[in-house]
Amino acid sequence: LAKLACPAVKKSSAHIRGLEMAINNILSAEEECQSALQEMAKLAPKRDLEILTSIPGIGENTALRIISELGDIRRFNNPSQLNAFVDVDPQVYESGNLTAHLSISKRGTAIGRKVLYLAINQIQSAKKAGNPCHIADYYEKRKRSSETASHKKAAIASI
């Protein structure tokens, strides 16, 4: 790969050695990631894994990451508690007659928000590939009803 990426540079060049080291670091990190995912698969409740992977667009990798970030979602009594944990509930500013809906507060788990945001993107991609889902339908509804048709706002609402 290094020779293909830098054909004009000699094989013994510091650029090639640096590129080879970077490639080896990436491959090593990927092996560690795969090993961690295998360990997570052993520890994850099988029923929760089955439920999450039944959603079109959610594979085992994403399902494991959701489970690892949220834990047992049965500990939340209602969706509002889960939203507060991940902190995707919008802030509301009220003063007299003025009520303004602000962005999300971002006090919860940032990695959990990222994983769920990526999951929404995957669900949306699966819908485009012919696998319909109520979550993707809700995303489309929010995107159509939004004044700006912002992808991020629709995705956060879908989370």
Protein backbone atom coordinates (compact mmCIF):
# COMPACT_ATOMS: atom_id res chain seq x y z
CA LEU A 1 0.00 0.00 0.00
CA ALA A 2 2.80 2.38 0.84
CA LYS A 3 4.47 1.77 -2.53
CA LEU A 4 1.16 2.40 -4.34
CA ALA A 5 0.46 5.53 -2.32
CA CYS A 6 3.93 7.02 -2.84
CA PRO A 7 5.25 5.62 -6.17
CA ALA A 8 7.81 8.42 -6.62
CA VAL A 9 9.41 7.86 -3.21
CA LYS A 10 12.12 5.25 -2.62
CA LYS A 11 11.16 2.17 -0.65
CA SER A 12 13.68 2.99 2.06
CA SER A 13 12.34 6.53 2.47
CA ALA A 14 11.20 7.83 5.86
CA HIS A 15 7.82 8.66 4.26
CA ILE A 16 7.28 5.01 3.34
CA ARG A 17 8.36 3.79 6.80
CA GLY A 18 6.03 6.31 8.44
CA LEU A 19 3.15 5.25 6.23
CA GLU A 20 3.83 1.58 6.97
CA MET A 21 3.82 2.32 10.72
CA ALA A 22 0.52 4.19 10.42
CA ILE A 23 -1.02 1.30 8.45
CA ASN A 24 0.19 -1.22 11.05
CA ASN A 25 -1.28 0.93 13.85
CA ILE A 26 -4.64 1.06 12.06
CA LEU A 27 -4.66 -2.72 11.52
CA SER A 28 -3.73 -3.32 15.15
CA ALA A 29 -6.49 -0.98 16.37
CA GLU A 30 -8.99 -2.75 14.13
CA GLU A 31 -8.00 -6.12 15.58
CA GLU A 32 -8.46 -4.77 19.10
CA CYS A 33 -11.86 -3.37 18.14
CA GLN A 34 -12.97 -6.71 16.71
CA SER A 35 -11.74 -8.49 19.84
CA ALA A 36 -13.67 -6.07 22.05
CA LEU A 37 -16.83 -6.57 19.95
CA GLN A 38 -16.49 -10.35 20.33
CA GLU A 39 -16.23 -9.96 24.11
CA MET A 40 -19.25 -7.64 24.09
CA ALA A 41 -21.22 -10.23 22.09
CA LYS A 42 -20.49 -12.84 24.76
CA LEU A 43 -21.70 -10.53 27.55
CA ALA A 44 -24.74 -8.99 25.84
CA PRO A 45 -28.19 -10.38 26.62
CA LYS A 46 -29.15 -12.46 23.58
CA ARG A 47 -32.79 -11.36 23.61
CA ASP A 48 -31.85 -7.66 23.60
CA LEU A 49 -29.43 -8.32 20.75
CA GLU A 50 -32.13 -10.13 18.76
CA ILE A 51 -34.61 -7.29 19.27
CA LEU A 52 -32.19 -4.58 18.20
CA THR A 53 -30.92 -6.48 15.15
CA SER A 54 -34.52 -7.05 14.04
CA ILE A 55 -34.68 -3.32 13.23
CA PRO A 56 -33.74 -2.85 9.56
CA GLY A 57 -30.36 -1.16 9.34
CA ILE A 58 -29.16 -2.21 12.80
CA GLY A 59 -26.49 -4.89 12.64
CA GLU A 60 -24.80 -6.75 15.45
CA ASN A 61 -22.01 -4.18 15.73
CA THR A 62 -24.40 -1.26 16.22
CA ALA A 63 -26.68 -3.28 18.50
CA LEU A 64 -23.73 -4.17 20.75
CA ARG A 65 -22.69 -0.53 20.93
CA ILE A 66 -26.24 0.54 21.83
CA ILE A 67 -26.45 -2.09 24.57
CA SER A 68 -23.04 -1.12 25.94
CA GLU A 69 -23.97 2.57 26.10
CA LEU A 70 -27.55 2.29 27.37
CA GLY A 71 -27.29 -0.84 29.46
CA ASP A 72 -30.59 -2.50 30.31
CA ILE A 73 -33.24 -0.18 28.86
CA ARG A 74 -35.89 -1.85 31.01
CA ARG A 75 -34.59 0.24 33.92
CA PHE A 76 -36.20 3.30 32.34
CA ASN A 77 -39.91 3.60 33.22
CA ASN A 78 -40.78 5.69 30.16
CA PRO A 79 -39.19 7.10 27.00
CA SER A 80 -38.65 10.49 28.67
CA GLN A 81 -36.25 8.93 31.16
CA LEU A 82 -34.28 7.32 28.36
CA ASN A 83 -34.22 10.62 26.45
CA ALA A 84 -32.94 12.37 29.56
CA PHE A 85 -30.22 9.73 30.03
CA VAL A 86 -28.94 10.21 26.49
CA ASP A 87 -30.02 13.86 26.75
CA VAL A 88 -31.74 14.28 23.41
CA ASP A 89 -34.68 16.07 24.98
CA PRO A 90 -34.88 19.68 23.78
CA GLN A 91 -34.32 22.57 26.13
CA VAL A 92 -37.27 24.90 26.52
CA TYR A 93 -36.85 28.56 27.46
CA GLU A 94 -39.93 30.21 28.97
CA SER A 95 -40.15 33.85 29.93
CA GLY A 96 -43.51 35.56 30.24
CA ASN A 97 -45.39 34.97 26.99
CA LEU A 98 -42.32 33.72 25.14
CA THR A 99 -41.64 30.00 24.81
CA ALA A 100 -38.61 29.01 22.75
CA HIS A 101 -37.45 25.52 21.91
CA LEU A 102 -33.68 25.40 21.95
CA SER A 103 -31.24 22.71 20.93
CA ILE A 104 -30.62 19.59 22.99
CA SER A 105 -28.82 20.16 26.27
CA LYS A 106 -25.97 17.64 25.69
CA ARG A 107 -25.49 16.80 29.37
CA GLY A 108 -26.00 13.06 28.94
CA THR A 109 -23.73 10.45 27.43
CA ALA A 110 -22.13 11.87 24.29
CA ILE A 111 -21.10 8.46 22.98
CA GLY A 112 -24.67 7.21 23.43
CA ARG A 113 -25.95 10.12 21.34
CA LYS A 114 -23.37 9.39 18.64
CA VAL A 115 -24.24 5.69 18.51
CA LEU A 116 -27.97 6.42 18.27
CA TYR A 117 -27.38 9.14 15.66
CA LEU A 118 -25.39 6.70 13.53
CA ALA A 119 -28.10 4.08 14.04
CA ILE A 120 -30.70 6.50 12.65
CA ASN A 121 -28.49 7.04 9.59
CA GLN A 122 -28.21 3.27 9.11
CA ILE A 123 -31.97 2.83 9.49
CA GLN A 124 -32.54 5.54 6.91
CA SER A 125 -30.07 3.89 4.52
CA ALA A 126 -31.82 0.54 4.99
CA LYS A 127 -35.14 2.16 4.07
CA LYS A 128 -33.62 3.50 0.86
CA ALA A 129 -32.42 -0.05 0.13
CA GLY A 130 -35.99 -1.35 0.42
CA ASN A 131 -36.30 -2.26 4.10
CA PRO A 132 -39.10 -0.11 5.54
CA CYS A 133 -39.22 0.74 9.22
CA HIS A 134 -41.45 2.90 11.42
CA ILE A 135 -38.41 4.78 12.71
CA ALA A 136 -37.41 5.69 9.14
CA ASP A 137 -41.00 6.73 8.42
CA TYR A 138 -40.96 9.01 11.47
CA TYR A 139 -37.63 10.46 10.33
CA GLU A 140 -39.11 11.26 6.91
CA LYS A 141 -42.22 12.79 8.49
CA ARG A 142 -40.10 15.04 10.73
CA LYS A 143 -37.87 16.03 7.83
CA ARG A 144 -40.87 16.97 5.68
CA SER A 145 -42.56 18.92 8.48
CA SER A 146 -39.43 20.85 9.47
CA GLU A 147 -39.06 24.41 8.22
CA THR A 148 -35.40 23.93 7.37
CA ALA A 149 -35.59 20.20 6.50
CA SER A 150 -32.44 19.69 8.56
CA HIS A 151 -31.14 16.14 8.65
CA LYS A 152 -29.70 16.56 12.15
CA LYS A 153 -32.92 17.85 13.67
CA ALA A 154 -34.93 15.02 12.13
CA ALA A 155 -32.36 12.46 13.27
CA ILE A 156 -32.34 13.75 16.86
CA ALA A 157 -36.15 13.72 16.89
CA SER A 158 -36.07 10.12 15.62
CA ILE A 159 -33.66 9.09 18.37
